PDB file of N, CA and C in Angstrom:
ATOM      1  N   MET A   1      71.946  66.854 102.345  1.00  0.00           N
ATOM      2  CA  MET A   1      73.175  67.064 103.089  1.00  0.00           C
ATOM      3  C   MET A   1      72.902  67.898 104.302  1.00  0.00           C
ATOM      4  N   SER A   2      73.318  67.425 105.432  1.00  0.00           N
ATOM      5  CA  SER A   2      73.109  68.180 106.658  1.00  0.00           C
ATOM      6  C   SER A   2      74.427  68.850 107.092  1.00  0.00           C
ATOM      7  N   SER A   3      74.281  69.998 107.710  1.00  0.00           N
ATOM      8  CA  SER A   3      75.474  70.642 108.224  1.00  0.00           C
ATOM      9  C   SER A   3      75.317  70.804 109.751  1.00  0.00           C
ATOM     10  N   ILE A   4      76.408  70.744 110.390  1.00  0.00           N
ATOM     11  CA  ILE A   4      76.395  70.839 111.852  1.00  0.00           C
ATOM     12  C   ILE A   4      76.817  72.245 112.226  1.00  0.00           C
ATOM     13  N   TYR A   5      76.062  72.848 113.147  1.00  0.00           N
ATOM     14  CA  TYR A   5      76.355  74.196 113.606  1.00  0.00           C
ATOM     15  C   TYR A   5      77.640  74.167 114.466  1.00  0.00           C
ATOM     16  N   ASN A   6      78.555  75.017 114.138  1.00  0.00           N
ATOM     17  CA  ASN A   6      79.813  75.084 114.881  1.00  0.00           C
ATOM     18  C   ASN A   6      79.989  76.539 115.354  1.00  0.00           C
ATOM     19  N   PRO A   7      79.705  76.791 116.635  1.00  0.00           N
ATOM     20  CA  PRO A   7      79.844  78.145 117.156  1.00  0.00           C
ATOM     21  C   PRO A   7      81.252  78.668 117.105  1.00  0.00           C
ATOM     22  N   GLU A   8      82.249  77.754 117.178  1.00  0.00           N
ATOM     23  CA  GLU A   8      83.605  78.169 117.127  1.00  0.00           C
ATOM     24  C   GLU A   8      83.954  78.803 115.765  1.00  0.00           C
ATOM     25  N   ALA A   9      83.343  78.318 114.688  1.00  0.00           N
ATOM     26  CA  ALA A   9      83.575  78.859 113.392  1.00  0.00           C
ATOM     27  C   ALA A   9      83.049  80.290 113.331  1.00  0.00           C
ATOM     28  N   ASP A  10      81.965  80.594 113.975  1.00  0.00           N
ATOM     29  CA  ASP A  10      81.451  81.973 114.009  1.00  0.00           C
ATOM     30  C   ASP A  10      82.412  82.858 114.748  1.00  0.00           C
ATOM     31  N   ILE A  11      82.976  82.394 115.852  1.00  0.00           N
ATOM     32  CA  ILE A  11      83.919  83.189 116.631  1.00  0.00           C
ATOM     33  C   ILE A  11      85.180  83.427 115.833  1.00  0.00           C
ATOM     34  N   ILE A  12      85.680  82.406 115.176  1.00  0.00           N
ATOM     35  CA  ILE A  12      86.874  82.552 114.333  1.00  0.00           C
ATOM     36  C   ILE A  12      86.630  83.564 113.208  1.00  0.00           C
ATOM     37  N   ALA A  13      85.471  83.484 112.558  1.00  0.00           N
ATOM     38  CA  ALA A  13      85.134  84.442 111.498  1.00  0.00           C
ATOM     39  C   ALA A  13      85.100  85.859 112.046  1.00  0.00           C
ATOM     40  N   GLU A  14      84.527  86.051 113.219  1.00  0.00           N
ATOM     41  CA  GLU A  14      84.439  87.402 113.805  1.00  0.00           C
ATOM     42  C   GLU A  14      85.868  87.883 114.183  1.00  0.00           C
ATOM     43  N   ILE A  15      86.713  87.012 114.677  1.00  0.00           N
ATOM     44  CA  ILE A  15      88.116  87.411 114.960  1.00  0.00           C
ATOM     45  C   ILE A  15      88.790  87.889 113.681  1.00  0.00           C
ATOM     46  N   GLU A  16      88.609  87.152 112.624  1.00  0.00           N
ATOM     47  CA  GLU A  16      89.245  87.532 111.350  1.00  0.00           C
ATOM     48  C   GLU A  16      88.708  88.867 110.839  1.00  0.00           C
ATOM     49  N   ARG A  17      87.411  89.101 111.002  1.00  0.00           N
ATOM     50  CA  ARG A  17      86.824  90.372 110.607  1.00  0.00           C
ATOM     51  C   ARG A  17      87.392  91.527 111.424  1.00  0.00           C
ATOM     52  N   GLN A  18      87.512  91.275 112.743  1.00  0.00           N
ATOM     53  CA  GLN A  18      88.039  92.318 113.640  1.00  0.00           C
ATOM     54  C   GLN A  18      89.535  92.564 113.322  1.00  0.00           C
ATOM     55  N   GLU A  19      90.289  91.537 112.997  1.00  0.00           N
ATOM     56  CA  GLU A  19      91.701  91.723 112.647  1.00  0.00           C
ATOM     57  C   GLU A  19      91.861  92.556 111.374  1.00  0.00           C
ATOM     58  N   MET A  20      90.987  92.368 110.400  1.00  0.00           N
ATOM     59  CA  MET A  20      91.020  93.197 109.194  1.00  0.00           C
ATOM     60  C   MET A  20      90.707  94.637 109.549  1.00  0.00           C
ATOM     61  N   GLU A  21      89.755  94.834 110.413  1.00  0.00           N
ATOM     62  CA  GLU A  21      89.407  96.180 110.854  1.00  0.00           C
ATOM     63  C   GLU A  21      90.564  96.834 111.589  1.00  0.00           C
ATOM     64  N   ALA A  22      91.280  96.075 112.407  1.00  0.00           N
ATOM     65  CA  ALA A  22      92.426  96.580 113.143  1.00  0.00           C
ATOM     66  C   ALA A  22      93.545  97.034 112.160  1.00  0.00           C
ATOM     67  N   ARG A  23      93.765  96.218 111.111  1.00  0.00           N
ATOM     68  CA  ARG A  23      94.778  96.590 110.105  1.00  0.00           C
ATOM     69  C   ARG A  23      94.388  97.925 109.437  1.00  0.00           C
ATOM     70  N   LYS A  24      93.118  98.078 109.133  1.00  0.00           N
ATOM     71  CA  LYS A  24      92.641  99.330 108.490  1.00  0.00           C
ATOM     72  C   LYS A  24      92.852 100.524 109.416  1.00  0.00           C
ATOM     73  N   LEU A  25      92.548 100.310 110.705  1.00  0.00           N
ATOM     74  CA  LEU A  25      92.676 101.398 111.673  1.00  0.00           C
ATOM     75  C   LEU A  25      94.142 101.776 111.837  1.00  0.00           C
ATOM     76  N   ARG A  26      95.046 100.763 111.889  1.00  0.00           N
ATOM     77  CA  ARG A  26      96.490 101.079 112.016  1.00  0.00           C
ATOM     78  C   ARG A  26      96.964 101.925 110.843  1.00  0.00           C
ATOM     79  N   LYS A  27      96.532 101.525 109.646  1.00  0.00           N
ATOM     80  CA  LYS A  27      96.970 102.245 108.435  1.00  0.00           C
ATOM     81  C   LYS A  27      96.415 103.669 108.467  1.00  0.00           C
ATOM     82  N   ARG A  28      95.145 103.830 108.847  1.00  0.00           N
ATOM     83  CA  ARG A  28      94.559 105.160 108.898  1.00  0.00           C
ATOM     84  C   ARG A  28      95.266 106.030 109.963  1.00  0.00           C
ATOM     85  N   ARG A  29      95.608 105.414 111.101  1.00  0.00           N
ATOM     86  CA  ARG A  29      96.321 106.158 112.140  1.00  0.00           C
ATOM     87  C   ARG A  29      97.691 106.619 111.676  1.00  0.00           C
ATOM     88  N   GLU A  30      98.380 105.756 110.972  1.00  0.00           N
ATOM     89  CA  GLU A  30      99.707 106.120 110.445  1.00  0.00           C
ATOM     90  C   GLU A  30      99.604 107.278 109.452  1.00  0.00           C
ATOM     91  N   GLN A  31      98.551 107.308 108.675  1.00  0.00           N
ATOM     92  CA  GLN A  31      98.390 108.345 107.644  1.00  0.00           C
ATOM     93  C   GLN A  31      97.761 109.611 108.160  1.00  0.00           C
ATOM     94  N   ALA A  32      97.208 109.609 109.343  1.00  0.00           N
ATOM     95  CA  ALA A  32      96.558 110.774 109.882  1.00  0.00           C
ATOM     96  C   ALA A  32      97.558 111.880 110.196  1.00  0.00           C
ATOM     97  N   THR A  33      97.163 113.074 109.901  1.00  0.00           N
ATOM     98  CA  THR A  33      98.090 114.228 110.142  1.00  0.00           C
ATOM     99  C   THR A  33      97.647 115.015 111.356  1.00  0.00           C
ATOM    100  N   ASN A  34      96.397 114.926 111.718  1.00  0.00           N
ATOM    101  CA  ASN A  34      95.845 115.664 112.881  1.00  0.00           C
ATOM    102  C   ASN A  34      96.015 114.825 114.136  1.00  0.00           C
ATOM    103  N   GLU A  35      96.520 115.415 115.187  1.00  0.00           N
ATOM    104  CA  GLU A  35      96.760 114.679 116.433  1.00  0.00           C
ATOM    105  C   GLU A  35      95.490 114.157 117.006  1.00  0.00           C
ATOM    106  N   ASN A  36      94.367 114.911 116.897  1.00  0.00           N
ATOM    107  CA  ASN A  36      93.097 114.506 117.412  1.00  0.00           C
ATOM    108  C   ASN A  36      92.611 113.250 116.666  1.00  0.00           C
ATOM    109  N   ASP A  37      92.819 113.215 115.348  1.00  0.00           N
ATOM    110  CA  ASP A  37      92.429 112.050 114.581  1.00  0.00           C
ATOM    111  C   ASP A  37      93.230 110.821 114.994  1.00  0.00           C
ATOM    112  N   LYS A  38      94.545 111.030 115.214  1.00  0.00           N
ATOM    113  CA  LYS A  38      95.392 109.936 115.656  1.00  0.00           C
ATOM    114  C   LYS A  38      94.955 109.367 117.000  1.00  0.00           C
ATOM    115  N   ARG A  39      94.526 110.274 117.904  1.00  0.00           N
ATOM    116  CA  ARG A  39      94.084 109.873 119.240  1.00  0.00           C
ATOM    117  C   ARG A  39      92.815 109.030 119.133  1.00  0.00           C
ATOM    118  N   VAL A  40      91.858 109.515 118.323  1.00  0.00           N
ATOM    119  CA  VAL A  40      90.574 108.812 118.193  1.00  0.00           C
ATOM    120  C   VAL A  40      90.804 107.449 117.509  1.00  0.00           C
ATOM    121  N   LEU A  41      91.611 107.431 116.452  1.00  0.00           N
ATOM    122  CA  LEU A  41      91.896 106.146 115.795  1.00  0.00           C
ATOM    123  C   LEU A  41      92.657 105.174 116.708  1.00  0.00           C
ATOM    124  N   GLY A  42      93.517 105.739 117.544  1.00  0.00           N
ATOM    125  CA  GLY A  42      94.213 104.886 118.518  1.00  0.00           C
ATOM    126  C   GLY A  42      93.259 104.284 119.539  1.00  0.00           C
ATOM    127  N   LYS A  43      92.266 105.071 119.949  1.00  0.00           N
ATOM    128  CA  LYS A  43      91.261 104.558 120.874  1.00  0.00           C
ATOM    129  C   LYS A  43      90.449 103.436 120.226  1.00  0.00           C
ATOM    130  N   LEU A  44      89.995 103.681 118.955  1.00  0.00           N
ATOM    131  CA  LEU A  44      89.238 102.676 118.238  1.00  0.00           C
ATOM    132  C   LEU A  44      90.056 101.395 118.026  1.00  0.00           C
ATOM    133  N   LEU A  45      91.345 101.540 117.764  1.00  0.00           N
ATOM    134  CA  LEU A  45      92.229 100.388 117.577  1.00  0.00           C
ATOM    135  C   LEU A  45      92.353  99.595 118.886  1.00  0.00           C
ATOM    136  N   LYS A  46      92.476 100.294 119.983  1.00  0.00           N
ATOM    137  CA  LYS A  46      92.599  99.618 121.271  1.00  0.00           C
ATOM    138  C   LYS A  46      91.303  98.826 121.574  1.00  0.00           C
ATOM    139  N   GLU A  47      90.167  99.448 121.321  1.00  0.00           N
ATOM    140  CA  GLU A  47      88.892  98.755 121.554  1.00  0.00           C
ATOM    141  C   GLU A  47      88.759  97.492 120.665  1.00  0.00           C
ATOM    142  N   THR A  48      89.194  97.648 119.413  1.00  0.00           N
ATOM    143  CA  THR A  48      89.136  96.499 118.480  1.00  0.00           C
ATOM    144  C   THR A  48      90.069  95.397 118.946  1.00  0.00           C
ATOM    145  N   GLU A  49      91.285  95.753 119.382  1.00  0.00           N
ATOM    146  CA  GLU A  49      92.234  94.726 119.896  1.00  0.00           C
ATOM    147  C   GLU A  49      91.671  94.071 121.146  1.00  0.00           C
ATOM    148  N   ASP A  50      91.004  94.812 121.995  1.00  0.00           N
ATOM    149  CA  ASP A  50      90.389  94.254 123.204  1.00  0.00           C
ATOM    150  C   ASP A  50      89.280  93.256 122.829  1.00  0.00           C
ATOM    151  N   ASN A  51      88.507  93.617 121.795  1.00  0.00           N
ATOM    152  CA  ASN A  51      87.454  92.690 121.331  1.00  0.00           C
ATOM    153  C   ASN A  51      88.063  91.398 120.811  1.00  0.00           C
ATOM    154  N   ILE A  52      89.172  91.525 120.075  1.00  0.00           N
ATOM    155  CA  ILE A  52      89.841  90.330 119.561  1.00  0.00           C
ATOM    156  C   ILE A  52      90.287  89.443 120.697  1.00  0.00           C
ATOM    157  N   LYS A  53      90.867  90.009 121.721  1.00  0.00           N
ATOM    158  CA  LYS A  53      91.349  89.266 122.872  1.00  0.00           C
ATOM    159  C   LYS A  53      90.182  88.514 123.573  1.00  0.00           C
ATOM    160  N   ALA A  54      89.068  89.278 123.727  1.00  0.00           N
ATOM    161  CA  ALA A  54      87.906  88.673 124.370  1.00  0.00           C
ATOM    162  C   ALA A  54      87.343  87.503 123.525  1.00  0.00           C
ATOM    163  N   LEU A  55      87.312  87.692 122.238  1.00  0.00           N
ATOM    164  CA  LEU A  55      86.850  86.592 121.405  1.00  0.00           C
ATOM    165  C   LEU A  55      87.773  85.373 121.461  1.00  0.00           C
ATOM    166  N   ARG A  56      89.041  85.619 121.435  1.00  0.00           N
ATOM    167  CA  ARG A  56      90.031  84.518 121.558  1.00  0.00           C
ATOM    168  C   ARG A  56      89.892  83.765 122.854  1.00  0.00           C
ATOM    169  N   SER A  57      89.556  84.488 123.915  1.00  0.00           N
ATOM    170  CA  SER A  57      89.409  83.822 125.195  1.00  0.00           C
ATOM    171  C   SER A  57      88.198  82.861 125.227  1.00  0.00           C
ATOM    172  N   ARG A  58      87.246  83.087 124.330  1.00  0.00           N
ATOM    173  CA  ARG A  58      86.070  82.211 124.241  1.00  0.00           C
ATOM    174  C   ARG A  58      86.322  80.923 123.491  1.00  0.00           C
ATOM    175  N   LEU A  59      87.442  80.867 122.785  1.00  0.00           N
ATOM    176  CA  LEU A  59      87.794  79.614 122.071  1.00  0.00           C
ATOM    177  C   LEU A  59      88.454  78.642 123.025  1.00  0.00           C
ATOM    178  N   PRO A  60      88.231  77.346 122.778  1.00  0.00           N
ATOM    179  CA  PRO A  60      88.842  76.345 123.657  1.00  0.00           C
ATOM    180  C   PRO A  60      90.316  76.199 123.392  1.00  0.00           C
TER     181      PRO A  60
END
């Protein structure tokens, strides 16, 4: 049985992984009590969301 390489499947899998990470970051930010922690988690969340947007732009 042969399989055909599909680069779009890899991109979709990475988007899904990044979306799960974004959900975790949102939850951690909501539960954070320290303002500095909230700021850092917010920055990480923004970077993750930007990565998701960039990956989606690579899909046809």
